[in-house]
Amino acid sequence: MVLGMKILAIADEESKYLWDFFEKSKLEDIDLIISCGDLDPLYLSFLVTLSTAPVLYVHGNHDTKYQKYPPEGCTCIEDQIFVYRGVRILGLGGSMRYKPGPHQYTERQMKQRVSKLWFQLFRKRGFDILVTHSPAYQLNDGRDLPHQGFQVFRTLLEKYRPKFFLHGHVHMAYGRQHKRYDKYQDTHIINAFERCVFEFEDDNPQAHIK
């Protein structure tokens, strides 16, 4: 495993710092970009074109245009454990179902998605980073149905104890006091709203905004 990998996590709102005022130097030290959903696919294509870092993504509940216009040069990691430089990254996009439409799931449907991953989880011996759109139940989620988190995500955290859990969906701009960072047992939780840079280190994981 390569230590000290610098990761840019993004979600929900395109960053003017990156898109409107782009300079290559802003991404030159980034090793990996992970989108937690609800971003314009053109934005992801823009980032992968103008940086050397791979871009991984899961879908948000508003990513309806991805089916016709998937982000070019990017990798969808839905329902799989993607390994990059020795780091195992599990992707489970979508939100709690609150109206008809794609990328929305009931708790039961999300549990079914997770149950289908049993062989990957066994073969890979778990995962290091969980990437979702929705937060976990009662971990930085909302009490309204559209922003309520999934209980099965907490189960994954408790069973596999990944180093990081990245999510979006609950905007930092909302009136609620949503946290950028939190910790649950051994897992560092990051709300990837707009942009957040963190370092994946084997012994001393750290996170900071850039």
C-alpha atoms as a PDB file:
ATOM      1  CA  MET A   1       0.000   0.000   0.000  1.00  0.00           C
ATOM      2  CA  VAL A   2       1.274   3.464  -0.931  1.00  0.00           C
ATOM      3  CA  LEU A   3       1.212   5.761   2.084  1.00  0.00           C
ATOM      4  CA  GLY A   4       0.494   9.456   2.107  1.00  0.00           C
ATOM      5  CA  MET A   5      -1.953   9.433  -0.809  1.00  0.00           C
ATOM      6  CA  LYS A   6      -3.671  12.805  -1.140  1.00  0.00           C
ATOM      7  CA  ILE A   7      -7.343  12.532  -2.110  1.00  0.00           C
ATOM      8  CA  LEU A   8      -9.781  15.227  -3.249  1.00  0.00           C
ATOM      9  CA  ALA A   9     -13.380  14.425  -2.270  1.00  0.00           C
ATOM     10  CA  ILE A  10     -16.171  16.384  -3.997  1.00  0.00           C
ATOM     11  CA  ALA A  11     -19.987  16.404  -3.909  1.00  0.00           C
ATOM     12  CA  ASP A  12     -23.214  18.343  -4.470  1.00  0.00           C
ATOM     13  CA  GLU A  13     -21.895  21.706  -5.672  1.00  0.00           C
ATOM     14  CA  GLU A  14     -19.312  22.435  -8.357  1.00  0.00           C
ATOM     15  CA  SER A  15     -16.399  24.345  -6.862  1.00  0.00           C
ATOM     16  CA  LYS A  16     -15.832  27.762  -8.428  1.00  0.00           C
ATOM     17  CA  TYR A  17     -12.306  27.578  -7.029  1.00  0.00           C
ATOM     18  CA  LEU A  18     -11.653  24.641  -9.348  1.00  0.00           C
ATOM     19  CA  TRP A  19     -14.029  25.131 -12.298  1.00  0.00           C
ATOM     20  CA  ASP A  20     -14.262  28.905 -12.784  1.00  0.00           C
ATOM     21  CA  PHE A  21     -10.760  29.787 -11.633  1.00  0.00           C
ATOM     22  CA  PHE A  22      -8.839  26.699 -12.616  1.00  0.00           C
ATOM     23  CA  GLU A  23      -5.075  26.457 -12.443  1.00  0.00           C
ATOM     24  CA  LYS A  24      -3.303  23.140 -12.926  1.00  0.00           C
ATOM     25  CA  SER A  25      -1.209  23.804  -9.840  1.00  0.00           C
ATOM     26  CA  LYS A  26      -4.356  23.408  -7.690  1.00  0.00           C
ATOM     27  CA  LEU A  27      -4.490  19.689  -8.501  1.00  0.00           C
ATOM     28  CA  GLU A  28      -0.855  18.844  -9.170  1.00  0.00           C
ATOM     29  CA  ASP A  29      -0.350  17.173  -5.776  1.00  0.00           C
ATOM     30  CA  ILE A  30      -3.702  15.291  -5.827  1.00  0.00           C
ATOM     31  CA  ASP A  31      -3.346  11.525  -6.289  1.00  0.00           C
ATOM     32  CA  LEU A  32      -7.042  10.621  -6.563  1.00  0.00           C
ATOM     33  CA  ILE A  33     -10.391  12.410  -6.993  1.00  0.00           C
ATOM     34  CA  ILE A  34     -13.589  10.872  -5.582  1.00  0.00           C
ATOM     35  CA  SER A  35     -17.062  12.241  -6.327  1.00  0.00           C
ATOM     36  CA  CYS A  36     -19.874  11.466  -3.894  1.00  0.00           C
ATOM     37  CA  GLY A  37     -22.576  12.498  -6.364  1.00  0.00           C
ATOM     38  CA  ASP A  38     -24.907  15.287  -7.490  1.00  0.00           C
ATOM     39  CA  LEU A  39     -22.329  16.947  -9.725  1.00  0.00           C
ATOM     40  CA  ASP A  40     -22.475  17.902 -13.396  1.00  0.00           C
ATOM     41  CA  PRO A  41     -20.833  15.115 -15.430  1.00  0.00           C
ATOM     42  CA  LEU A  42     -19.061  17.824 -17.464  1.00  0.00           C
ATOM     43  CA  TYR A  43     -17.415  18.957 -14.229  1.00  0.00           C
ATOM     44  CA  LEU A  44     -15.995  15.486 -13.602  1.00  0.00           C
ATOM     45  CA  SER A  45     -14.804  15.237 -17.216  1.00  0.00           C
ATOM     46  CA  PHE A  46     -13.164  18.644 -16.811  1.00  0.00           C
ATOM     47  CA  LEU A  47     -11.280  17.535 -13.699  1.00  0.00           C
ATOM     48  CA  VAL A  48     -10.018  14.281 -15.230  1.00  0.00           C
ATOM     49  CA  THR A  49      -8.887  16.092 -18.386  1.00  0.00           C
ATOM     50  CA  LEU A  50      -6.936  18.802 -16.597  1.00  0.00           C
ATOM     51  CA  SER A  51      -5.333  16.671 -13.888  1.00  0.00           C
ATOM     52  CA  THR A  52      -3.277  13.504 -13.763  1.00  0.00           C
ATOM     53  CA  ALA A  53      -5.422  11.970 -11.006  1.00  0.00           C
ATOM     54  CA  PRO A  54      -8.065   9.324 -11.759  1.00  0.00           C
ATOM     55  CA  VAL A  55     -11.670  10.337 -11.016  1.00  0.00           C
ATOM     56  CA  LEU A  56     -13.974   7.816  -9.308  1.00  0.00           C
ATOM     57  CA  TYR A  57     -17.665   8.466  -8.724  1.00  0.00           C
ATOM     58  CA  VAL A  58     -20.979   7.229  -7.368  1.00  0.00           C
ATOM     59  CA  HIS A  59     -24.373   8.649  -8.288  1.00  0.00           C
ATOM     60  CA  GLY A  60     -26.342  11.182  -6.314  1.00  0.00           C
ATOM     61  CA  ASN A  61     -30.134  11.295  -6.370  1.00  0.00           C
ATOM     62  CA  HIS A  62     -30.062  14.205  -8.851  1.00  0.00           C
ATOM     63  CA  ASP A  63     -27.641  12.582 -11.317  1.00  0.00           C
ATOM     64  CA  THR A  64     -30.318  11.746 -13.891  1.00  0.00           C
ATOM     65  CA  LYS A  65     -28.264  12.937 -16.875  1.00  0.00           C
ATOM     66  CA  TYR A  66     -25.430  10.456 -16.188  1.00  0.00           C
ATOM     67  CA  GLN A  67     -27.240   7.695 -18.083  1.00  0.00           C
ATOM     68  CA  LYS A  68     -27.139   9.670 -21.347  1.00  0.00           C
ATOM     69  CA  TYR A  69     -24.017  11.699 -20.642  1.00  0.00           C
ATOM     70  CA  PRO A  70     -21.647   9.777 -18.357  1.00  0.00           C
ATOM     71  CA  PRO A  71     -18.509  11.715 -17.377  1.00  0.00           C
ATOM     72  CA  GLU A  72     -15.811  10.899 -19.906  1.00  0.00           C
ATOM     73  CA  GLY A  73     -12.606   9.336 -18.639  1.00  0.00           C
ATOM     74  CA  CYS A  74     -14.042   8.691 -15.166  1.00  0.00           C
ATOM     75  CA  THR A  75     -14.736   5.403 -13.395  1.00  0.00           C
ATOM     76  CA  CYS A  76     -18.069   4.524 -11.797  1.00  0.00           C
ATOM     77  CA  ILE A  77     -17.498   2.451  -8.644  1.00  0.00           C
ATOM     78  CA  GLU A  78     -21.130   1.643  -7.847  1.00  0.00           C
ATOM     79  CA  ASP A  79     -21.597  -1.754  -6.180  1.00  0.00           C
ATOM     80  CA  GLN A  80     -17.948  -2.740  -6.298  1.00  0.00           C
ATOM     81  CA  ILE A  81     -14.702  -2.567  -4.370  1.00  0.00           C
ATOM     82  CA  PHE A  82     -12.282  -0.631  -6.563  1.00  0.00           C
ATOM     83  CA  VAL A  83      -8.612  -0.957  -5.617  1.00  0.00           C
ATOM     84  CA  TYR A  84      -6.271   1.949  -6.333  1.00  0.00           C
ATOM     85  CA  ARG A  85      -2.642   1.862  -5.202  1.00  0.00           C
ATOM     86  CA  GLY A  86      -3.569  -0.809  -2.689  1.00  0.00           C
ATOM     87  CA  VAL A  87      -6.476   1.146  -1.182  1.00  0.00           C
ATOM     88  CA  ARG A  88      -9.829  -0.674  -1.292  1.00  0.00           C
ATOM     89  CA  ILE A  89     -12.693   1.719  -2.111  1.00  0.00           C
ATOM     90  CA  LEU A  90     -16.337   0.610  -1.869  1.00  0.00           C
ATOM     91  CA  GLY A  91     -18.975   2.626  -3.755  1.00  0.00           C
ATOM     92  CA  LEU A  92     -22.702   2.768  -2.921  1.00  0.00           C
ATOM     93  CA  GLY A  93     -24.448   5.800  -4.397  1.00  0.00           C
ATOM     94  CA  GLY A  94     -28.011   7.060  -4.144  1.00  0.00           C
ATOM     95  CA  SER A  95     -30.283   8.434  -1.438  1.00  0.00           C
ATOM     96  CA  MET A  96     -33.277   7.316   0.557  1.00  0.00           C
ATOM     97  CA  ARG A  97     -36.301   6.914  -1.746  1.00  0.00           C
ATOM     98  CA  TYR A  98     -38.650   9.872  -1.340  1.00  0.00           C
ATOM     99  CA  LYS A  99     -40.243  10.104  -4.813  1.00  0.00           C
ATOM    100  CA  PRO A 100     -40.169   8.164  -8.101  1.00  0.00           C
ATOM    101  CA  GLY A 101     -36.833   8.382  -9.906  1.00  0.00           C
ATOM    102  CA  PRO A 102     -33.424   6.769 -10.327  1.00  0.00           C
ATOM    103  CA  HIS A 103     -30.691   6.466  -7.691  1.00  0.00           C
ATOM    104  CA  GLN A 104     -33.162   6.303  -4.800  1.00  0.00           C
ATOM    105  CA  TYR A 105     -33.564   3.290  -2.522  1.00  0.00           C
ATOM    106  CA  THR A 106     -35.526   2.098   0.453  1.00  0.00           C
ATOM    107  CA  GLU A 107     -33.533   0.785   3.401  1.00  0.00           C
ATOM    108  CA  ARG A 108     -34.414  -2.739   2.285  1.00  0.00           C
ATOM    109  CA  GLN A 109     -33.202  -2.111  -1.268  1.00  0.00           C
ATOM    110  CA  MET A 110     -29.888  -0.708  -0.030  1.00  0.00           C
ATOM    111  CA  LYS A 111     -29.442  -3.747   2.228  1.00  0.00           C
ATOM    112  CA  GLN A 112     -30.023  -5.958  -0.818  1.00  0.00           C
ATOM    113  CA  ARG A 113     -27.287  -4.089  -2.696  1.00  0.00           C
ATOM    114  CA  VAL A 114     -24.902  -4.623   0.204  1.00  0.00           C
ATOM    115  CA  SER A 115     -25.789  -8.325   0.508  1.00  0.00           C
ATOM    116  CA  LYS A 116     -24.774  -8.851  -3.128  1.00  0.00           C
ATOM    117  CA  LEU A 117     -21.271  -7.621  -2.255  1.00  0.00           C
ATOM    118  CA  TRP A 118     -20.536 -10.495   0.129  1.00  0.00           C
ATOM    119  CA  PHE A 119     -18.091 -12.246  -2.180  1.00  0.00           C
ATOM    120  CA  GLN A 120     -16.177  -9.053  -2.990  1.00  0.00           C
ATOM    121  CA  LEU A 121     -16.019  -8.207   0.707  1.00  0.00           C
ATOM    122  CA  PHE A 122     -14.770 -11.703   1.486  1.00  0.00           C
ATOM    123  CA  ARG A 123     -12.220 -11.784  -1.314  1.00  0.00           C
ATOM    124  CA  LYS A 124     -10.893  -8.264  -0.624  1.00  0.00           C
ATOM    125  CA  ARG A 125     -11.075  -8.755   3.156  1.00  0.00           C
ATOM    126  CA  GLY A 126     -13.161  -5.639   3.635  1.00  0.00           C
ATOM    127  CA  PHE A 127     -12.436  -2.115   2.444  1.00  0.00           C
ATOM    128  CA  ASP A 128     -10.524   1.009   3.463  1.00  0.00           C
ATOM    129  CA  ILE A 129     -12.834   3.782   2.195  1.00  0.00           C
ATOM    130  CA  LEU A 130     -16.630   3.748   1.949  1.00  0.00           C
ATOM    131  CA  VAL A 131     -17.949   6.165  -0.697  1.00  0.00           C
ATOM    132  CA  THR A 132     -21.662   6.967  -0.718  1.00  0.00           C
ATOM    133  CA  HIS A 133     -23.942   9.856  -1.579  1.00  0.00           C
ATOM    134  CA  SER A 134     -26.182   9.612   1.457  1.00  0.00           C
ATOM    135  CA  PRO A 135     -24.797   9.708   4.999  1.00  0.00           C
ATOM    136  CA  ALA A 136     -25.326   6.877   7.482  1.00  0.00           C
ATOM    137  CA  TYR A 137     -28.342   6.834   9.779  1.00  0.00           C
ATOM    138  CA  GLN A 138     -27.936   9.329  12.640  1.00  0.00           C
ATOM    139  CA  LEU A 139     -24.390  10.181  11.575  1.00  0.00           C
ATOM    140  CA  ASN A 140     -24.629  13.695  10.162  1.00  0.00           C
ATOM    141  CA  ASP A 141     -27.902  12.946   8.346  1.00  0.00           C
ATOM    142  CA  GLY A 142     -31.221  14.819   8.378  1.00  0.00           C
ATOM    143  CA  ARG A 143     -34.443  13.788  10.060  1.00  0.00           C
ATOM    144  CA  ASP A 144     -36.521  14.459   6.930  1.00  0.00           C
ATOM    145  CA  LEU A 145     -36.914  11.411   4.675  1.00  0.00           C
ATOM    146  CA  PRO A 146     -34.983  12.807   1.656  1.00  0.00           C
ATOM    147  CA  HIS A 147     -31.875  13.407   3.803  1.00  0.00           C
ATOM    148  CA  GLN A 148     -32.189  10.480   6.192  1.00  0.00           C
ATOM    149  CA  GLY A 149     -29.193   8.156   6.124  1.00  0.00           C
ATOM    150  CA  PHE A 150     -29.081   4.389   5.687  1.00  0.00           C
ATOM    151  CA  GLN A 151     -28.778   2.089   8.681  1.00  0.00           C
ATOM    152  CA  VAL A 152     -26.898  -0.491   6.619  1.00  0.00           C
ATOM    153  CA  PHE A 153     -24.046   2.006   6.204  1.00  0.00           C
ATOM    154  CA  ARG A 154     -23.605   2.008   9.985  1.00  0.00           C
ATOM    155  CA  THR A 155     -23.548  -1.786   9.876  1.00  0.00           C
ATOM    156  CA  LEU A 156     -20.755  -1.671   7.289  1.00  0.00           C
ATOM    157  CA  LEU A 157     -18.763   0.766   9.423  1.00  0.00           C
ATOM    158  CA  GLU A 158     -19.197  -1.361  12.543  1.00  0.00           C
ATOM    159  CA  LYS A 159     -18.287  -4.633  10.841  1.00  0.00           C
ATOM    160  CA  TYR A 160     -15.385  -3.596   8.598  1.00  0.00           C
ATOM    161  CA  ARG A 161     -14.102  -0.457  10.371  1.00  0.00           C
ATOM    162  CA  PRO A 162     -12.780   1.341   7.290  1.00  0.00           C
ATOM    163  CA  LYS A 163     -10.393   4.250   7.770  1.00  0.00           C
ATOM    164  CA  PHE A 164     -12.655   6.727   5.945  1.00  0.00           C
ATOM    165  CA  PHE A 165     -16.315   7.192   5.094  1.00  0.00           C
ATOM    166  CA  LEU A 166     -17.023   9.826   2.413  1.00  0.00           C
ATOM    167  CA  HIS A 167     -20.530  11.085   1.705  1.00  0.00           C
ATOM    168  CA  GLY A 168     -22.390  14.089   0.342  1.00  0.00           C
ATOM    169  CA  HIS A 169     -26.118  14.902   0.133  1.00  0.00           C
ATOM    170  CA  VAL A 170     -26.370  17.054   3.282  1.00  0.00           C
ATOM    171  CA  HIS A 171     -25.069  20.400   2.103  1.00  0.00           C
ATOM    172  CA  MET A 172     -22.849  22.479   4.328  1.00  0.00           C
ATOM    173  CA  ALA A 173     -24.940  25.449   3.164  1.00  0.00           C
ATOM    174  CA  TYR A 174     -28.071  24.067   4.852  1.00  0.00           C
ATOM    175  CA  GLY A 175     -29.249  25.736   8.037  1.00  0.00           C
ATOM    176  CA  ARG A 176     -28.514  22.607  10.061  1.00  0.00           C
ATOM    177  CA  GLN A 177     -25.199  22.257  11.842  1.00  0.00           C
ATOM    178  CA  HIS A 178     -23.789  19.577   9.581  1.00  0.00           C
ATOM    179  CA  LYS A 179     -20.213  18.642  10.307  1.00  0.00           C
ATOM    180  CA  ARG A 180     -17.404  18.550   7.752  1.00  0.00           C
ATOM    181  CA  TYR A 181     -15.639  15.936   9.868  1.00  0.00           C
ATOM    182  CA  ASP A 182     -16.787  13.385  12.386  1.00  0.00           C
ATOM    183  CA  LYS A 183     -15.602  10.057  13.715  1.00  0.00           C
ATOM    184  CA  TYR A 184     -17.517   6.851  14.407  1.00  0.00           C
ATOM    185  CA  GLN A 185     -15.555   4.144  16.185  1.00  0.00           C
ATOM    186  CA  ASP A 186     -12.381   3.774  14.050  1.00  0.00           C
ATOM    187  CA  THR A 187     -13.728   5.559  10.971  1.00  0.00           C
ATOM    188  CA  HIS A 188     -13.097   9.179   9.987  1.00  0.00           C
ATOM    189  CA  ILE A 189     -16.258  10.595   8.385  1.00  0.00           C
ATOM    190  CA  ILE A 190     -15.985  13.387   5.800  1.00  0.00           C
ATOM    191  CA  ASN A 191     -18.852  15.367   4.291  1.00  0.00           C
ATOM    192  CA  ALA A 192     -17.460  15.991   0.798  1.00  0.00           C
ATOM    193  CA  PHE A 193     -19.748  18.962   0.033  1.00  0.00           C
ATOM    194  CA  GLU A 194     -18.094  21.084  -2.697  1.00  0.00           C
ATOM    195  CA  ARG A 195     -14.505  19.983  -2.034  1.00  0.00           C
ATOM    196  CA  CYS A 196     -12.303  18.580   0.701  1.00  0.00           C
ATOM    197  CA  VAL A 197      -8.731  17.277   0.590  1.00  0.00           C
ATOM    198  CA  PHE A 198      -7.532  14.568   2.946  1.00  0.00           C
ATOM    199  CA  GLU A 199      -4.529  12.304   3.212  1.00  0.00           C
ATOM    200  CA  PHE A 200      -4.795   8.537   3.398  1.00  0.00           C
ATOM    201  CA  GLU A 201      -2.046   7.266   5.655  1.00  0.00           C
ATOM    202  CA  ASP A 202      -1.863   3.758   7.010  1.00  0.00           C
ATOM    203  CA  ASP A 203      -1.001   4.633  10.591  1.00  0.00           C
ATOM    204  CA  ASN A 204      -2.110   8.233  11.052  1.00  0.00           C
ATOM    205  CA  PRO A 205      -5.011   9.215   8.792  1.00  0.00           C
ATOM    206  CA  GLN A 206      -5.502  12.959   8.658  1.00  0.00           C
ATOM    207  CA  ALA A 207      -7.995  15.230   6.969  1.00  0.00           C
ATOM    208  CA  HIS A 208      -7.935  18.911   6.156  1.00  0.00           C
ATOM    209  CA  ILE A 209      -9.643  21.399   3.882  1.00  0.00           C
ATOM    210  CA  LYS A 210      -7.694  22.907   1.042  1.00  0.00           C
END
